[in-house]
Every structure is written in C-alpha cells, then in structure tokens.
Amino acid sequence: MQRFGTLLATIAHLVVLGSIGLPILGAIVTLAAVGTGLLIVVIGVLLIALALLGMFGVAWFERERVAALYGAPIPRAVLRGSHRTDWLRPWHRLVRIAADGHHWRAILSFALASLFGAFALMLLPLVGLGIPLALAVLGDAERVRIPLTSIAVPVEWSPLLGLLALAAGIAGTVGLAIAHRNVTLGLLVPDEREQLEAQARQERERREGVAQAADYDRTRIERDLHDGVQPRLVSIAMQLGMARDRIESDPEGAKRLIDEAHASSKNAVTELRQVARGIHVAVLDDRGLDAAVSALAARSAIPVEVDARLDRRCSRESETAVYFAIAEGITNAQKHARASRIRVAIRTREQSLWARVEDDGVGGAVRQPGGGIDGLASRVAGVGGTLTLSSPAGGPTAIEVDVPCAS
C-alpha cells in the first residue's frame, strides 16, 4: 500500500513538473544567455547572478523534493560561503555555486523529471480516451468516433481499442514513474564509496581540527601566563625582596611594599582565574550556554545584547566550541573593532547548535593562520561544525558557527 501511495505521489510530481519544470529551466537559461551577451554592462552581471541563484534554488528544491518523496538519504544543497572579506565576497560565492558538481546533478535530475513529466502528460489522456471507448459497446451505435479525432470505428472494435489505450496510458505512466525513481536516486543518492570517502574526509578534518585547536589553546595559555601572570608574580617577588631589605631600616616603607605586594597577589589570583576560565568554563557545565554567555556579556566593556533561544542542551563539546567562538567574537570587538554594540544570537536547530556574533565596528577582520579566528575555526571543525566570517571594510563584522548538537 505504501508503494502504491509513493507511485501515485511520483505521478503527481511528474504531472506538476511536466507543466512548469521546463519553463523554469528555460527562464534560467535565458537569463544566463542574455547576461552573457550583456557582460560589458552591469546588467549582464546581475542577470548571470540571478541565473546562478535560480540554479541553486532549483538544486535545493530538487534535493528536498526527492528526499521527501522517497525518504532517501540525500545531502542537502549548501550555499557555500567564502573566506574572502572584500567586495568580491558575494561574487566568489556565486562562482562556488557554479563550480559545485552536486548542484549540476540536481539540475539534471530536475530536467529529466520535467521531461518525464512532459511525456506523462501525453500518456495520461490515453486513459481518458480508453475508458469511453471500452464502454461504447454498451450503447446502440454501429460505429464509434474516437474522441478528439474524426476517426470512426465499428463498435465491435471499441472495447479492444479502449483497453489498448488504457493499458498504454497506465503502463507508460507507471514506467515513467519507475524510471524517474531510478534516475533521480541514481543521480542524487551518494553511492557507498562516495559515502565512505565523505565520512573519512570529515573524520580527518575533525582530527586535524582537534589537533590545531589544542595547539592554539596551548599557545594562548602560554601567552596569557607569560604576558599577564608571570610579570605580576615577578613584581610581587621583587616587592617582597625590597621589603625584606628595608624592614629594619625603613619599617614604614617595608610595610607599604608589603601592602603593594598583597594587592598585586590579589590581582594575580584574578588573572589566574581568568586563565583557568579560558581552559574550563564551570558555569557552562552547571547552567548551560545561555548563562555562560550572559556572564560573558556582563563582563564586557561594550554593551552586549544576548538573544538565546535554546530548547535543549547539546553535547559538552558542541557547547564549549560555540561558547569560545562567542567569547572570541566579543573580545575581538572590544580590542580591534572600535564597536559600540555587540549582538549575540544563539539557536538550537533540528540537529545543530547555531550562534552569530555581530558588532557595529569598522570591520576588516581576516582569518590568519595561527590567529584567534583560525584557532576557533579549528575548534569548531573538531566537533564537525563550520565557522563563517563576514567582515567587509567599514563593518559590520559577523561570526557564525554551526555545530552538530550531539557530536
């Protein structure tokens, strides 16, 4: 029964695509052709951009349609980002759309489905013709005219002609539906080798991300200790040494030095706590990402607006990666962006945890090897996620992370 329902749904898809599919593809091709002919002016570039976006829309629709129709494990169409931060960023993204072979396979599937649909629209009328012909023998006429034609045949032949037309219409339409299923699944469903290669590639990228993130964290901790805590401890040791030398000759001066060393020791403890917080965030484990990010916002020198809509907890690794991405975004906005306001949005999606940090600063941030953003990207990749940076000159700067909720 389920297969019969899927068959009827496939025929319905073919009928719809046979009506609108080819005109849609024709419009995209026309946009691309006209845009190519007008490349010497700006309108030509815009038309090609529209054609590429239309191509991506068709690829996305086809993948979603086939996945919903057959319940097949088809990867979703992804509008790939760009690492560029200059004015070429949107055009680079369009070039990546055109260079993605998965989109072309989806468009080929859409085109073939539309062609099958056009043939189905020709075959289905045979069913409508066959039924009255098969039943014409019940009347009292000696000859029967075939509908939509001027041909008349003896009434004795009408049942045979009706059954033939009915069989041809049904068999042809069912055959097209079966062919559509085999062709689209063959084009869009990754084969076993491709799936294994993709899994191996993802696992390799995760291992590399974990190793790079660990190296970045080690370097950051060493830098924080060397630039902050270590000089303060050296200063405390010098103040205590000077106080020891003056304790007999200048007791009051020695007391002042001891008081200064005491105050410096408190500051050193605070700095050590901040370093420790960069290694492990206790509030993240105890109260979740919303509370941890709210604590970050409360300590920020720039007003931070937090919009967290989390309906469940995710894995510790995923929440940690997102937390440090948000922390780095806030820190960069404070140190480099000359921003006056920061907005943080956090969402739990179907199977992922997504966050965006945006400031109204001067922009111009780039991902440099070994830098803070590069370390964050490695940490996010280590849990199977992605990090996207958008920072055109003049701002705003936005960092988006999307990680699996359970990694």
Protein backbone atom coordinates (compact mmCIF):
# COMPACT_ATOMS: atom_id res chain seq x y z
CA MET A 1 0.00 0.00 0.00
CA GLN A 2 2.84 2.34 0.83
CA ARG A 3 4.50 1.63 -2.53
CA PHE A 4 1.23 2.34 -4.31
CA GLY A 5 0.94 5.66 -2.49
CA THR A 6 4.54 6.53 -3.42
CA LEU A 7 3.77 5.62 -7.04
CA LEU A 8 0.74 7.91 -7.12
CA ALA A 9 2.76 10.71 -5.49
CA THR A 10 5.51 10.24 -8.09
CA ILE A 11 2.97 10.52 -10.93
CA ALA A 12 1.58 13.69 -9.34
CA HIS A 13 5.13 15.12 -9.14
CA LEU A 14 5.70 14.28 -12.80
CA VAL A 15 2.46 15.96 -13.84
CA VAL A 16 3.39 19.17 -11.99
CA LEU A 17 7.00 19.17 -13.22
CA GLY A 18 5.84 18.41 -16.76
CA SER A 19 3.79 21.60 -16.60
CA ILE A 20 6.26 24.01 -15.00
CA GLY A 21 9.70 22.38 -14.96
CA LEU A 22 10.87 23.04 -18.49
CA PRO A 23 9.66 26.68 -18.47
CA ILE A 24 11.60 27.27 -15.25
CA LEU A 25 14.78 25.82 -16.72
CA GLY A 26 14.17 27.82 -19.90
CA ALA A 27 13.93 31.02 -17.88
CA ILE A 28 17.25 30.29 -16.10
CA VAL A 29 18.99 29.51 -19.39
CA THR A 30 17.56 32.68 -20.93
CA LEU A 31 18.82 34.79 -18.02
CA ALA A 32 22.29 33.26 -18.35
CA ALA A 33 22.36 33.73 -22.13
CA VAL A 34 21.16 37.34 -22.04
CA GLY A 35 23.52 38.10 -19.16
CA THR A 36 26.46 36.64 -21.08
CA GLY A 37 25.59 38.80 -24.06
CA LEU A 38 25.42 41.91 -21.85
CA LEU A 39 28.57 41.30 -19.81
CA ILE A 40 30.02 44.61 -20.92
CA VAL A 41 27.44 46.39 -18.78
CA VAL A 42 26.43 45.92 -15.17
CA ILE A 43 23.01 44.48 -16.04
CA GLY A 44 24.69 41.46 -17.62
CA VAL A 45 26.50 40.59 -14.39
CA LEU A 46 23.27 40.95 -12.43
CA LEU A 47 21.40 38.67 -14.84
CA ILE A 48 24.08 35.99 -14.55
CA ALA A 49 23.95 36.33 -10.77
CA LEU A 50 20.17 35.83 -10.88
CA ALA A 51 20.64 32.79 -13.11
CA LEU A 52 23.13 31.24 -10.66
CA LEU A 53 20.83 31.90 -7.71
CA GLY A 54 17.97 30.36 -9.69
CA MET A 55 20.17 27.35 -10.39
CA PHE A 56 20.86 26.95 -6.69
CA GLY A 57 17.14 27.29 -5.93
CA VAL A 58 16.30 24.54 -8.41
CA ALA A 59 19.04 22.30 -6.98
CA TRP A 60 17.80 22.88 -3.44
CA PHE A 61 14.17 22.21 -4.45
CA GLU A 62 15.05 19.01 -6.32
CA ARG A 63 17.04 17.57 -3.44
CA GLU A 64 14.32 18.36 -0.93
CA ARG A 65 11.60 17.03 -3.27
CA VAL A 66 13.28 13.69 -3.92
CA ALA A 67 14.31 13.23 -0.28
CA ALA A 68 10.73 13.84 0.89
CA LEU A 69 9.20 11.70 -1.86
CA TYR A 70 11.34 8.59 -1.36
CA GLY A 71 12.80 9.11 2.11
CA ALA A 72 16.26 8.83 0.61
CA PRO A 73 19.48 9.96 2.37
CA ILE A 74 20.19 12.85 0.01
CA PRO A 75 22.61 15.55 1.25
CA ARG A 76 21.05 18.98 1.35
CA ALA A 77 22.09 21.66 -1.09
CA VAL A 78 24.52 24.01 0.66
CA LEU A 79 25.10 27.61 -0.34
CA ARG A 80 28.83 27.55 0.29
CA GLY A 81 30.40 30.53 1.98
CA SER A 82 33.52 32.42 1.03
CA HIS A 83 36.67 33.10 3.01
CA ARG A 84 37.03 36.49 1.32
CA THR A 85 36.10 39.62 3.24
CA ASP A 86 36.43 42.20 0.45
CA TRP A 87 33.92 43.37 -2.17
CA LEU A 88 34.49 40.18 -4.18
CA ARG A 89 32.92 38.02 -1.47
CA PRO A 90 29.38 37.76 -2.98
CA TRP A 91 30.78 37.09 -6.47
CA HIS A 92 33.10 34.43 -5.09
CA ARG A 93 30.09 32.70 -3.55
CA LEU A 94 28.33 32.77 -6.92
CA VAL A 95 31.38 31.22 -8.58
CA ARG A 96 31.34 28.46 -5.96
CA ILE A 97 27.69 27.77 -6.84
CA ALA A 98 28.62 27.37 -10.50
CA ALA A 99 31.57 25.12 -9.65
CA ASP A 100 29.62 22.74 -7.39
CA GLY A 101 29.02 19.50 -9.28
CA HIS A 102 26.31 18.41 -6.82
CA HIS A 103 24.15 21.33 -7.98
CA TRP A 104 24.54 20.31 -11.61
CA ARG A 105 23.50 16.74 -10.82
CA ALA A 106 20.39 18.02 -9.05
CA ILE A 107 19.55 20.27 -12.00
CA LEU A 108 19.99 17.32 -14.38
CA SER A 109 17.63 15.31 -12.19
CA PHE A 110 15.11 18.17 -12.29
CA ALA A 111 15.40 18.45 -16.08
CA LEU A 112 14.91 14.70 -16.61
CA ALA A 113 11.97 14.66 -14.20
CA SER A 114 10.40 17.55 -16.12
CA LEU A 115 10.96 15.68 -19.40
CA PHE A 116 9.40 12.52 -17.95
CA GLY A 117 6.51 14.69 -16.76
CA ALA A 118 6.00 16.09 -20.24
CA PHE A 119 5.73 12.53 -21.61
CA ALA A 120 3.37 11.61 -18.76
CA LEU A 121 1.10 14.49 -19.75
CA MET A 122 0.93 12.94 -23.23
CA LEU A 123 0.17 9.44 -21.92
CA LEU A 124 -2.45 10.27 -19.32
CA PRO A 125 -5.03 11.38 -21.93
CA LEU A 126 -4.91 7.81 -23.27
CA VAL A 127 -6.54 6.72 -20.02
CA GLY A 128 -9.29 9.26 -20.60
CA LEU A 129 -9.75 8.03 -24.16
CA GLY A 130 -9.67 4.35 -23.30
CA ILE A 131 -12.47 4.34 -20.76
CA PRO A 132 -15.25 5.70 -23.05
CA LEU A 133 -14.06 3.50 -25.90
CA ALA A 134 -14.17 0.39 -23.75
CA LEU A 135 -17.70 1.24 -22.60
CA ALA A 136 -19.01 2.27 -26.03
CA VAL A 137 -20.16 -1.28 -26.75
CA LEU A 138 -22.92 -0.76 -24.19
CA GLY A 139 -24.60 1.75 -26.50
CA ASP A 140 -26.66 1.11 -29.61
CA ALA A 141 -24.46 2.89 -32.17
CA GLU A 142 -22.92 0.85 -35.00
CA ARG A 143 -19.79 2.99 -35.25
CA VAL A 144 -17.91 4.90 -32.58
CA ARG A 145 -15.85 8.01 -33.18
CA ILE A 146 -12.55 8.09 -31.32
CA PRO A 147 -12.57 11.17 -29.03
CA LEU A 148 -10.57 14.18 -30.17
CA THR A 149 -10.30 12.72 -33.69
CA SER A 150 -12.52 12.33 -36.77
CA ILE A 151 -11.84 8.60 -36.99
CA ALA A 152 -14.85 6.29 -36.58
CA VAL A 153 -14.50 2.55 -35.98
CA PRO A 154 -17.03 -0.28 -35.71
CA VAL A 155 -18.46 -0.59 -32.25
CA GLU A 156 -17.14 -4.17 -32.03
CA TRP A 157 -13.60 -2.83 -32.10
CA SER A 158 -14.10 -0.21 -29.41
CA PRO A 159 -13.50 -2.47 -26.36
CA LEU A 160 -10.20 -3.67 -27.78
CA LEU A 161 -9.08 -0.16 -28.71
CA GLY A 162 -10.21 1.16 -25.35
CA LEU A 163 -8.31 -1.49 -23.42
CA LEU A 164 -5.19 -0.92 -25.52
CA ALA A 165 -5.35 2.84 -24.94
CA LEU A 166 -6.00 2.31 -21.24
CA ALA A 167 -3.11 -0.17 -20.92
CA ALA A 168 -0.75 2.07 -22.88
CA GLY A 169 -1.61 5.11 -20.75
CA ILE A 170 -1.30 3.30 -17.43
CA ALA A 171 1.77 1.24 -18.36
CA GLY A 172 3.56 4.20 -19.90
CA THR A 173 2.87 6.48 -16.93
CA VAL A 174 3.90 3.82 -14.39
CA GLY A 175 7.04 3.13 -16.42
CA LEU A 176 7.93 6.79 -16.41
CA ALA A 177 7.37 6.94 -12.63
CA ILE A 178 9.67 3.94 -12.10
CA ALA A 179 12.28 5.39 -14.45
CA HIS A 180 12.07 8.71 -12.59
CA ARG A 181 12.72 6.99 -9.27
CA ASN A 182 15.72 5.06 -10.55
CA VAL A 183 17.26 8.02 -12.37
CA THR A 184 16.84 10.59 -9.61
CA LEU A 185 18.06 8.31 -6.85
CA GLY A 186 21.00 7.27 -9.01
CA LEU A 187 21.93 10.91 -9.55
CA LEU A 188 21.34 12.30 -6.06
CA VAL A 189 21.98 9.50 -3.56
CA PRO A 190 25.73 9.09 -2.89
CA ASP A 191 26.98 5.58 -3.57
CA GLU A 192 28.70 3.56 -0.86
CA ARG A 193 32.18 4.53 -1.97
CA GLU A 194 31.32 8.22 -2.03
CA GLN A 195 29.73 7.98 1.42
CA LEU A 196 32.81 6.24 2.84
CA GLU A 197 35.10 8.84 1.28
CA ALA A 198 32.98 11.66 2.69
CA GLN A 199 32.99 10.09 6.16
CA ALA A 200 36.75 9.57 6.02
CA ARG A 201 37.27 13.16 4.88
CA GLN A 202 35.05 14.51 7.64
CA GLU A 203 36.82 12.40 10.25
CA ARG A 204 40.22 13.54 9.01
CA GLU A 205 39.12 17.17 9.14
CA ARG A 206 37.80 16.67 12.67
CA ARG A 207 41.09 15.15 13.85
CA GLU A 208 43.06 17.96 12.26
CA GLY A 209 40.72 20.49 13.82
CA VAL A 210 41.11 18.97 17.27
CA ALA A 211 44.91 18.95 16.95
CA GLN A 212 45.03 22.55 15.72
CA ALA A 213 42.60 23.69 18.42
CA ALA A 214 44.70 22.03 21.12
CA ASP A 215 47.85 23.68 19.78
CA TYR A 216 46.10 27.06 19.66
CA ASP A 217 44.82 26.67 23.24
CA ARG A 218 48.30 25.75 24.46
CA THR A 219 49.80 28.79 22.73
CA ARG A 220 47.07 31.05 24.12
CA ILE A 221 47.54 29.82 27.68
CA GLU A 222 51.30 30.22 27.43
CA ARG A 223 50.81 33.76 26.12
CA ASP A 224 48.37 34.67 28.88
CA LEU A 225 50.71 33.33 31.55
CA HIS A 226 53.78 34.96 30.03
CA ASP A 227 52.20 38.35 29.38
CA GLY A 228 49.98 38.61 32.45
CA VAL A 229 50.51 36.40 35.45
CA GLN A 230 54.28 35.84 35.17
CA PRO A 231 55.30 39.54 35.19
CA ARG A 232 52.96 40.18 38.10
CA LEU A 233 54.47 37.33 40.13
CA VAL A 234 57.97 38.63 39.35
CA SER A 235 56.86 42.07 40.52
CA ILE A 236 55.50 40.58 43.77
CA ALA A 237 58.77 38.76 44.37
CA MET A 238 60.76 41.99 43.83
CA GLN A 239 58.47 43.97 46.17
CA LEU A 240 58.82 41.36 48.90
CA GLY A 241 62.60 41.32 48.43
CA MET A 242 62.77 45.11 48.75
CA ALA A 243 60.54 44.98 51.84
CA ARG A 244 62.83 42.40 53.44
CA ASP A 245 65.85 44.64 52.87
CA ARG A 246 64.06 47.67 54.37
CA ILE A 247 62.25 46.02 57.25
CA GLU A 248 64.85 47.19 59.79
CA SER A 249 65.98 50.50 58.30
CA ASP A 250 62.61 51.70 56.98
CA PRO A 251 59.71 49.76 58.58
CA GLU A 252 57.06 52.07 57.12
CA GLY A 253 58.45 51.76 53.60
CA ALA A 254 58.67 47.99 54.02
CA LYS A 255 55.02 47.94 55.13
CA ARG A 256 53.96 49.89 52.04
CA LEU A 257 55.85 47.46 49.81
CA ILE A 258 54.16 44.52 51.53
CA ASP A 259 50.74 46.15 51.03
CA GLU A 260 51.52 46.65 47.34
CA ALA A 261 52.65 43.03 47.04
CA HIS A 262 49.44 41.92 48.75
CA ALA A 263 47.31 43.90 46.31
CA SER A 264 49.33 42.55 43.39
CA SER A 265 48.84 39.00 44.65
CA LYS A 266 45.07 39.51 44.58
CA ASN A 267 45.30 40.74 41.00
CA ALA A 268 47.44 37.72 40.14
CA VAL A 269 44.81 35.40 41.59
CA THR A 270 42.15 37.16 39.47
CA GLU A 271 44.27 36.75 36.35
CA LEU A 272 44.87 33.08 37.14
CA ARG A 273 41.13 32.60 37.45
CA GLN A 274 40.65 34.21 34.06
CA VAL A 275 43.25 31.88 32.55
CA ALA A 276 41.55 28.91 34.20
CA ARG A 277 38.19 30.12 32.86
CA GLY A 278 39.74 30.00 29.39
CA ILE A 279 40.55 26.32 29.95
CA HIS A 280 37.31 25.18 31.53
CA VAL A 281 34.08 27.11 32.00
CA ALA A 282 32.35 25.74 35.09
CA VAL A 283 29.14 27.73 34.61
CA LEU A 284 28.79 26.20 31.14
CA ASP A 285 28.55 22.70 32.61
CA ASP A 286 26.38 23.75 35.54
CA ARG A 287 23.87 26.15 33.98
CA GLY A 288 24.24 25.88 30.23
CA LEU A 289 25.25 28.06 27.31
CA ASP A 290 22.72 30.82 27.95
CA ALA A 291 24.02 31.50 31.45
CA ALA A 292 27.67 31.25 30.38
CA VAL A 293 27.22 33.74 27.54
CA SER A 294 25.21 36.06 29.79
CA ALA A 295 28.16 36.05 32.20
CA LEU A 296 30.45 36.97 29.31
CA ALA A 297 28.13 39.82 28.36
CA ALA A 298 28.06 41.12 31.94
CA ARG A 299 31.87 41.36 32.00
CA SER A 300 32.09 43.10 28.61
CA ALA A 301 33.12 46.74 28.45
CA ILE A 302 30.86 47.13 25.40
CA PRO A 303 27.08 46.58 25.72
CA VAL A 304 26.22 43.06 24.57
CA GLU A 305 22.69 42.07 23.60
CA VAL A 306 22.14 38.32 24.04
CA ASP A 307 19.21 36.61 22.30
CA ALA A 308 19.34 32.91 23.26
CA ARG A 309 16.52 30.57 22.29
CA LEU A 310 17.61 27.13 23.40
CA ASP A 311 15.02 24.40 23.85
CA ARG A 312 17.51 21.69 24.88
CA ARG A 313 21.09 21.06 25.96
CA CYS A 314 23.65 19.90 23.43
CA SER A 315 26.83 17.93 23.94
CA ARG A 316 29.56 19.44 26.12
CA GLU A 317 31.98 19.62 23.17
CA SER A 318 29.47 21.48 20.99
CA GLU A 319 28.50 23.99 23.68
CA THR A 320 32.16 24.60 24.51
CA ALA A 321 33.05 25.27 20.88
CA VAL A 322 30.17 27.73 20.50
CA TYR A 323 30.98 29.42 23.82
CA PHE A 324 34.61 30.09 22.85
CA ALA A 325 33.53 31.32 19.41
CA ILE A 326 31.23 33.85 21.09
CA ALA A 327 33.92 34.80 23.60
CA GLU A 328 36.46 35.38 20.82
CA GLY A 329 33.96 37.45 18.86
CA ILE A 330 33.27 39.68 21.86
CA THR A 331 36.99 40.00 22.65
CA ASN A 332 37.86 40.95 19.07
CA ALA A 333 35.08 43.55 19.03
CA GLN A 334 36.46 45.09 22.22
CA LYS A 335 40.11 45.10 21.14
CA HIS A 336 40.05 45.81 17.42
CA ALA A 337 36.64 46.72 16.01
CA ARG A 338 36.01 50.00 17.83
CA ALA A 339 32.42 48.82 18.20
CA SER A 340 29.74 50.44 20.31
CA ARG A 341 27.36 47.47 20.48
CA ILE A 342 27.53 43.70 20.11
CA ARG A 343 24.65 41.35 19.32
CA VAL A 344 24.75 37.63 20.09
CA ALA A 345 22.10 35.22 18.79
CA ILE A 346 22.01 31.53 19.75
CA ARG A 347 19.56 28.94 18.44
CA THR A 348 19.04 25.22 18.63
CA ARG A 349 18.00 23.94 15.23
CA GLU A 350 16.80 20.49 14.22
CA GLN A 351 20.14 18.75 14.70
CA SER A 352 22.57 21.58 15.28
CA LEU A 353 23.54 24.45 17.55
CA TRP A 354 23.91 27.80 15.77
CA ALA A 355 25.26 31.12 17.00
CA ARG A 356 26.07 34.51 15.48
CA VAL A 357 28.16 37.32 16.96
CA GLU A 358 27.85 40.68 15.20
CA ASP A 359 29.31 44.08 16.07
CA ASP A 360 28.90 47.52 14.53
CA GLY A 361 32.63 48.19 14.33
CA VAL A 362 34.94 49.10 11.48
CA GLY A 363 35.22 45.59 10.01
CA GLY A 364 38.23 44.35 8.09
CA ALA A 365 38.79 41.23 10.20
CA VAL A 366 40.53 38.38 8.35
CA ARG A 367 41.29 34.79 9.19
CA GLN A 368 45.05 34.47 9.51
CA PRO A 369 46.91 31.17 10.05
CA GLY A 370 47.61 30.78 13.75
CA GLY A 371 45.34 33.68 14.69
CA GLY A 372 42.40 33.66 17.05
CA ILE A 373 39.74 33.16 14.37
CA ASP A 374 41.77 30.39 12.76
CA GLY A 375 42.03 28.65 16.13
CA LEU A 376 38.28 28.97 16.59
CA ALA A 377 37.64 27.52 13.13
CA SER A 378 39.83 24.54 14.05
CA ARG A 379 37.98 24.06 17.33
CA VAL A 380 34.62 24.19 15.55
CA ALA A 381 35.83 21.81 12.84
CA GLY A 382 36.96 19.46 15.60
CA VAL A 383 33.33 18.89 16.59
CA GLY A 384 32.15 18.60 12.99
CA GLY A 385 30.91 22.18 12.60
CA THR A 386 31.61 25.18 10.40
CA LEU A 387 32.64 28.77 11.10
CA THR A 388 31.89 31.64 8.73
CA LEU A 389 33.44 35.10 8.98
CA SER A 390 31.96 38.16 7.28
CA SER A 391 33.83 41.40 7.86
CA PRO A 392 33.79 43.86 4.94
CA ALA A 393 35.69 47.11 5.30
CA GLY A 394 33.51 49.54 7.22
CA GLY A 395 31.70 46.74 9.01
CA PRO A 396 29.79 45.08 10.35
CA THR A 397 31.75 42.02 11.45
CA ALA A 398 29.81 38.79 11.94
CA ILE A 399 30.99 35.36 13.05
CA GLU A 400 28.59 32.46 12.56
CA VAL A 401 29.12 28.95 13.89
CA ASP A 402 27.00 25.90 13.24
CA VAL A 403 27.89 22.66 15.01
CA PRO A 404 26.10 19.33 15.44
CA CYS A 405 24.10 19.36 18.64
CA ALA A 406 25.40 15.91 19.54
CA SER A 407 28.99 15.41 18.49
